[in-house]
Amino acid sequence: MSVQDLDFLDEGKRNMLMFCGKGGTGKTTSSTVTAVHFAQRGYRTLLISPDPAPSYPLRG
């Protein structure tokens, strides 16, 4: 999936996007990049991880 594939979420509605899968499949990286994508476009964005030791690649 590319960032361009997420354009369907830019319709002004509230959306929830979840990343699920086995360990080591890129969930943290994908979710962080997606959150940054929408935050940079002015959308209110919330990134939540149930992992007790989250390791988001970007920190603000």
PDB file of N, CA and C in Angstrom:
ATOM      1  N   MET A   1       0.849  -1.169   0.000  1.00  0.00           N
ATOM      2  CA  MET A   1       0.000   0.000   0.000  1.00  0.00           C
ATOM      3  C   MET A   1       0.892   1.228   0.000  1.00  0.00           C
ATOM      4  N   SER A   2       0.539   2.168  -0.835  1.00  0.00           N
ATOM      5  CA  SER A   2       1.281   3.421  -0.880  1.00  0.00           C
ATOM      6  C   SER A   2       0.440   4.528  -0.259  1.00  0.00           C
ATOM      7  N   VAL A   3       1.066   5.663  -0.002  1.00  0.00           N
ATOM      8  CA  VAL A   3       0.363   6.800   0.569  1.00  0.00           C
ATOM      9  C   VAL A   3      -0.776   7.232  -0.350  1.00  0.00           C
ATOM     10  N   GLN A   4      -0.572   7.118  -1.656  1.00  0.00           N
ATOM     11  CA  GLN A   4      -1.619   7.491  -2.607  1.00  0.00           C
ATOM     12  C   GLN A   4      -2.855   6.616  -2.444  1.00  0.00           C
ATOM     13  N   ASP A   5      -2.693   5.387  -1.997  1.00  0.00           N
ATOM     14  CA  ASP A   5      -3.830   4.489  -1.779  1.00  0.00           C
ATOM     15  C   ASP A   5      -4.710   4.949  -0.627  1.00  0.00           C
ATOM     16  N   LEU A   6      -4.225   5.888   0.184  1.00  0.00           N
ATOM     17  CA  LEU A   6      -4.976   6.363   1.342  1.00  0.00           C
ATOM     18  C   LEU A   6      -5.845   7.566   1.028  1.00  0.00           C
ATOM     19  N   ASP A   7      -5.858   8.007  -0.221  1.00  0.00           N
ATOM     20  CA  ASP A   7      -6.633   9.188  -0.591  1.00  0.00           C
ATOM     21  C   ASP A   7      -8.120   9.034  -0.300  1.00  0.00           C
ATOM     22  N   PHE A   8      -8.628   7.804  -0.276  1.00  0.00           N
ATOM     23  CA  PHE A   8     -10.042   7.603   0.022  1.00  0.00           C
ATOM     24  C   PHE A   8     -10.394   8.053   1.436  1.00  0.00           C
ATOM     25  N   LEU A   9      -9.408   8.202   2.304  1.00  0.00           N
ATOM     26  CA  LEU A   9      -9.661   8.651   3.667  1.00  0.00           C
ATOM     27  C   LEU A   9      -9.777  10.169   3.759  1.00  0.00           C
ATOM     28  N   ASP A  10      -9.428  10.891   2.712  1.00  0.00           N
ATOM     29  CA  ASP A  10      -9.422  12.355   2.719  1.00  0.00           C
ATOM     30  C   ASP A  10     -10.790  12.948   2.397  1.00  0.00           C
ATOM     31  N   GLU A  11     -11.870  12.326   2.790  1.00  0.00           N
ATOM     32  CA  GLU A  11     -13.201  12.792   2.424  1.00  0.00           C
ATOM     33  C   GLU A  11     -13.869  13.641   3.502  1.00  0.00           C
ATOM     34  N   GLY A  12     -13.150  14.008   4.553  1.00  0.00           N
ATOM     35  CA  GLY A  12     -13.706  14.873   5.577  1.00  0.00           C
ATOM     36  C   GLY A  12     -14.533  14.155   6.632  1.00  0.00           C
ATOM     37  N   LYS A  13     -14.638  12.847   6.548  1.00  0.00           N
ATOM     38  CA  LYS A  13     -15.378  12.076   7.552  1.00  0.00           C
ATOM     39  C   LYS A  13     -14.408  11.579   8.614  1.00  0.00           C
ATOM     40  N   ARG A  14     -14.959  11.187   9.754  1.00  0.00           N
ATOM     41  CA  ARG A  14     -14.108  10.560  10.765  1.00  0.00           C
ATOM     42  C   ARG A  14     -13.795   9.145  10.307  1.00  0.00           C
ATOM     43  N   ASN A  15     -12.550   8.774  10.439  1.00  0.00           N
ATOM     44  CA  ASN A  15     -12.105   7.451  10.021  1.00  0.00           C
ATOM     45  C   ASN A  15     -11.243   6.840  11.109  1.00  0.00           C
ATOM     46  N   MET A  16     -11.242   5.532  11.137  1.00  0.00           N
ATOM     47  CA  MET A  16     -10.352   4.799  12.020  1.00  0.00           C
ATOM     48  C   MET A  16      -9.622   3.782  11.152  1.00  0.00           C
ATOM     49  N   LEU A  17      -8.319   3.774  11.260  1.00  0.00           N
ATOM     50  CA  LEU A  17      -7.503   2.865  10.481  1.00  0.00           C
ATOM     51  C   LEU A  17      -6.697   2.035  11.464  1.00  0.00           C
ATOM     52  N   MET A  18      -6.782   0.712  11.339  1.00  0.00           N
ATOM     53  CA  MET A  18      -6.076  -0.183  12.255  1.00  0.00           C
ATOM     54  C   MET A  18      -5.060  -1.005  11.480  1.00  0.00           C
ATOM     55  N   PHE A  19      -3.914  -1.223  12.096  1.00  0.00           N
ATOM     56  CA  PHE A  19      -2.864  -2.046  11.514  1.00  0.00           C
ATOM     57  C   PHE A  19      -2.715  -3.284  12.380  1.00  0.00           C
ATOM     58  N   CYS A  20      -2.933  -4.444  11.820  1.00  0.00           N
ATOM     59  CA  CYS A  20      -2.879  -5.705  12.559  1.00  0.00           C
ATOM     60  C   CYS A  20      -1.980  -6.689  11.820  1.00  0.00           C
ATOM     61  N   GLY A  21      -1.419  -7.615  12.558  1.00  0.00           N
ATOM     62  CA  GLY A  21      -0.597  -8.649  11.934  1.00  0.00           C
ATOM     63  C   GLY A  21       0.400  -9.215  12.922  1.00  0.00           C
ATOM     64  N   LYS A  22       1.150 -10.177  12.452  1.00  0.00           N
ATOM     65  CA  LYS A  22       2.158 -10.814  13.286  1.00  0.00           C
ATOM     66  C   LYS A  22       3.317  -9.853  13.538  1.00  0.00           C
ATOM     67  N   GLY A  23       4.152 -10.203  14.474  1.00  0.00           N
ATOM     68  CA  GLY A  23       5.318  -9.384  14.795  1.00  0.00           C
ATOM     69  C   GLY A  23       6.281  -9.282  13.627  1.00  0.00           C
ATOM     70  N   GLY A  24       6.873  -8.113  13.468  1.00  0.00           N
ATOM     71  CA  GLY A  24       7.888  -7.926  12.450  1.00  0.00           C
ATOM     72  C   GLY A  24       7.353  -7.673  11.049  1.00  0.00           C
ATOM     73  N   THR A  25       6.075  -7.311  10.929  1.00  0.00           N
ATOM     74  CA  THR A  25       5.495  -7.092   9.603  1.00  0.00           C
ATOM     75  C   THR A  25       5.436  -5.618   9.217  1.00  0.00           C
ATOM     76  N   GLY A  26       5.918  -4.712  10.058  1.00  0.00           N
ATOM     77  CA  GLY A  26       5.964  -3.293   9.722  1.00  0.00           C
ATOM     78  C   GLY A  26       4.761  -2.486  10.190  1.00  0.00           C
ATOM     79  N   LYS A  27       4.039  -3.003  11.175  1.00  0.00           N
ATOM     80  CA  LYS A  27       2.848  -2.290  11.669  1.00  0.00           C
ATOM     81  C   LYS A  27       3.203  -0.934  12.271  1.00  0.00           C
ATOM     82  N   THR A  28       4.225  -0.868  13.075  1.00  0.00           N
ATOM     83  CA  THR A  28       4.603   0.385  13.725  1.00  0.00           C
ATOM     84  C   THR A  28       5.044   1.413  12.690  1.00  0.00           C
ATOM     85  N   THR A  29       5.886   1.010  11.760  1.00  0.00           N
ATOM     86  CA  THR A  29       6.351   1.925  10.725  1.00  0.00           C
ATOM     87  C   THR A  29       5.201   2.396   9.852  1.00  0.00           C
ATOM     88  N   SER A  30       4.354   1.481   9.426  1.00  0.00           N
ATOM     89  CA  SER A  30       3.219   1.838   8.558  1.00  0.00           C
ATOM     90  C   SER A  30       2.247   2.770   9.259  1.00  0.00           C
ATOM     91  N   SER A  31       1.948   2.480  10.518  1.00  0.00           N
ATOM     92  CA  SER A  31       0.995   3.323  11.235  1.00  0.00           C
ATOM     93  C   SER A  31       1.574   4.707  11.505  1.00  0.00           C
ATOM     94  N   THR A  32       2.860   4.784  11.782  1.00  0.00           N
ATOM     95  CA  THR A  32       3.495   6.075  12.028  1.00  0.00           C
ATOM     96  C   THR A  32       3.531   6.923  10.763  1.00  0.00           C
ATOM     97  N   VAL A  33       3.903   6.326   9.654  1.00  0.00           N
ATOM     98  CA  VAL A  33       3.951   7.054   8.383  1.00  0.00           C
ATOM     99  C   VAL A  33       2.554   7.538   8.004  1.00  0.00           C
ATOM    100  N   THR A  34       1.548   6.707   8.223  1.00  0.00           N
ATOM    101  CA  THR A  34       0.175   7.090   7.910  1.00  0.00           C
ATOM    102  C   THR A  34      -0.276   8.251   8.785  1.00  0.00           C
ATOM    103  N   ALA A  35       0.025   8.188  10.080  1.00  0.00           N
ATOM    104  CA  ALA A  35      -0.348   9.270  10.994  1.00  0.00           C
ATOM    105  C   ALA A  35       0.338  10.576  10.604  1.00  0.00           C
ATOM    106  N   VAL A  36       1.607  10.516  10.264  1.00  0.00           N
ATOM    107  CA  VAL A  36       2.345  11.712   9.849  1.00  0.00           C
ATOM    108  C   VAL A  36       1.760  12.266   8.550  1.00  0.00           C
ATOM    109  N   HIS A  37       1.423  11.394   7.628  1.00  0.00           N
ATOM    110  CA  HIS A  37       0.823  11.811   6.353  1.00  0.00           C
ATOM    111  C   HIS A  37      -0.398  12.688   6.587  1.00  0.00           C
ATOM    112  N   PHE A  38      -1.314  12.233   7.426  1.00  0.00           N
ATOM    113  CA  PHE A  38      -2.538  12.989   7.665  1.00  0.00           C
ATOM    114  C   PHE A  38      -2.303  14.193   8.574  1.00  0.00           C
ATOM    115  N   ALA A  39      -1.420  14.088   9.536  1.00  0.00           N
ATOM    116  CA  ALA A  39      -1.124  15.223  10.416  1.00  0.00           C
ATOM    117  C   ALA A  39      -0.507  16.377   9.621  1.00  0.00           C
ATOM    118  N   GLN A  40       0.364  16.075   8.673  1.00  0.00           N
ATOM    119  CA  GLN A  40       0.988  17.114   7.854  1.00  0.00           C
ATOM    120  C   GLN A  40      -0.020  17.807   6.940  1.00  0.00           C
ATOM    121  N   ARG A  41      -1.130  17.162   6.693  1.00  0.00           N
ATOM    122  CA  ARG A  41      -2.184  17.752   5.865  1.00  0.00           C
ATOM    123  C   ARG A  41      -3.248  18.448   6.701  1.00  0.00           C
ATOM    124  N   GLY A  42      -2.969  18.585   8.002  1.00  0.00           N
ATOM    125  CA  GLY A  42      -3.848  19.347   8.872  1.00  0.00           C
ATOM    126  C   GLY A  42      -4.964  18.559   9.535  1.00  0.00           C
ATOM    127  N   TYR A  43      -4.960  17.245   9.387  1.00  0.00           N
ATOM    128  CA  TYR A  43      -5.989  16.430  10.025  1.00  0.00           C
ATOM    129  C   TYR A  43      -5.614  16.169  11.480  1.00  0.00           C
ATOM    130  N   ARG A  44      -6.623  16.167  12.345  1.00  0.00           N
ATOM    131  CA  ARG A  44      -6.387  15.769  13.731  1.00  0.00           C
ATOM    132  C   ARG A  44      -6.098  14.280  13.712  1.00  0.00           C
ATOM    133  N   THR A  45      -4.973  13.906  14.287  1.00  0.00           N
ATOM    134  CA  THR A  45      -4.493  12.533  14.195  1.00  0.00           C
ATOM    135  C   THR A  45      -4.112  12.015  15.577  1.00  0.00           C
ATOM    136  N   LEU A  46      -4.524  10.797  15.846  1.00  0.00           N
ATOM    137  CA  LEU A  46      -4.184  10.146  17.115  1.00  0.00           C
ATOM    138  C   LEU A  46      -3.594   8.784  16.801  1.00  0.00           C
ATOM    139  N   LEU A  47      -2.433   8.519  17.326  1.00  0.00           N
ATOM    140  CA  LEU A  47      -1.754   7.243  17.120  1.00  0.00           C
ATOM    141  C   LEU A  47      -1.669   6.537  18.465  1.00  0.00           C
ATOM    142  N   ILE A  48      -2.266   5.356  18.542  1.00  0.00           N
ATOM    143  CA  ILE A  48      -2.300   4.585  19.794  1.00  0.00           C
ATOM    144  C   ILE A  48      -1.666   3.225  19.547  1.00  0.00           C
ATOM    145  N   SER A  49      -0.863   2.781  20.495  1.00  0.00           N
ATOM    146  CA  SER A  49      -0.264   1.454  20.416  1.00  0.00           C
ATOM    147  C   SER A  49      -0.533   0.704  21.719  1.00  0.00           C
ATOM    148  N   PRO A  50      -1.012  -0.524  21.627  1.00  0.00           N
ATOM    149  CA  PRO A  50      -1.210  -1.317  22.839  1.00  0.00           C
ATOM    150  C   PRO A  50       0.089  -1.928  23.351  1.00  0.00           C
ATOM    151  N   ASP A  51       1.163  -1.769  22.607  1.00  0.00           N
ATOM    152  CA  ASP A  51       2.459  -2.315  22.996  1.00  0.00           C
ATOM    153  C   ASP A  51       2.954  -1.591  24.243  1.00  0.00           C
ATOM    154  N   PRO A  52       3.319  -2.322  25.304  1.00  0.00           N
ATOM    155  CA  PRO A  52       3.796  -1.669  26.525  1.00  0.00           C
ATOM    156  C   PRO A  52       5.119  -0.919  26.339  1.00  0.00           C
ATOM    157  N   ALA A  53       5.858  -1.235  25.271  1.00  0.00           N
ATOM    158  CA  ALA A  53       7.116  -0.552  24.975  1.00  0.00           C
ATOM    159  C   ALA A  53       7.085  -0.092  23.515  1.00  0.00           C
ATOM    160  N   PRO A  54       6.251   0.928  23.194  1.00  0.00           N
ATOM    161  CA  PRO A  54       6.156   1.347  21.783  1.00  0.00           C
ATOM    162  C   PRO A  54       7.466   1.919  21.280  1.00  0.00           C
ATOM    163  N   SER A  55       7.687   1.765  20.008  1.00  0.00           N
ATOM    164  CA  SER A  55       8.943   2.245  19.405  1.00  0.00           C
ATOM    165  C   SER A  55       8.644   2.960  18.095  1.00  0.00           C
ATOM    166  N   TYR A  56       7.873   4.045  18.170  1.00  0.00           N
ATOM    167  CA  TYR A  56       7.566   4.811  16.979  1.00  0.00           C
ATOM    168  C   TYR A  56       8.848   5.383  16.412  1.00  0.00           C
ATOM    169  N   PRO A  57       9.055   5.236  15.098  1.00  0.00           N
ATOM    170  CA  PRO A  57      10.300   5.727  14.515  1.00  0.00           C
ATOM    171  C   PRO A  57      10.443   7.248  14.554  1.00  0.00           C
ATOM    172  N   LEU A  58       9.331   7.977  14.624  1.00  0.00           N
ATOM    173  CA  LEU A  58       9.381   9.439  14.666  1.00  0.00           C
ATOM    174  C   LEU A  58       8.821   9.919  15.986  1.00  0.00           C
ATOM    175  N   ARG A  59       9.532  10.771  16.651  1.00  0.00           N
ATOM    176  CA  ARG A  59       9.062  11.329  17.928  1.00  0.00           C
ATOM    177  C   ARG A  59       9.090  12.840  17.842  1.00  0.00           C
ATOM    178  N   GLY A  60       8.076  13.468  18.435  1.00  0.00           N
ATOM    179  CA  GLY A  60       8.004  14.931  18.335  1.00  0.00           C
ATOM    180  C   GLY A  60       8.284  15.645  19.584  1.00  0.00           C
TER     181      GLY A  60
END
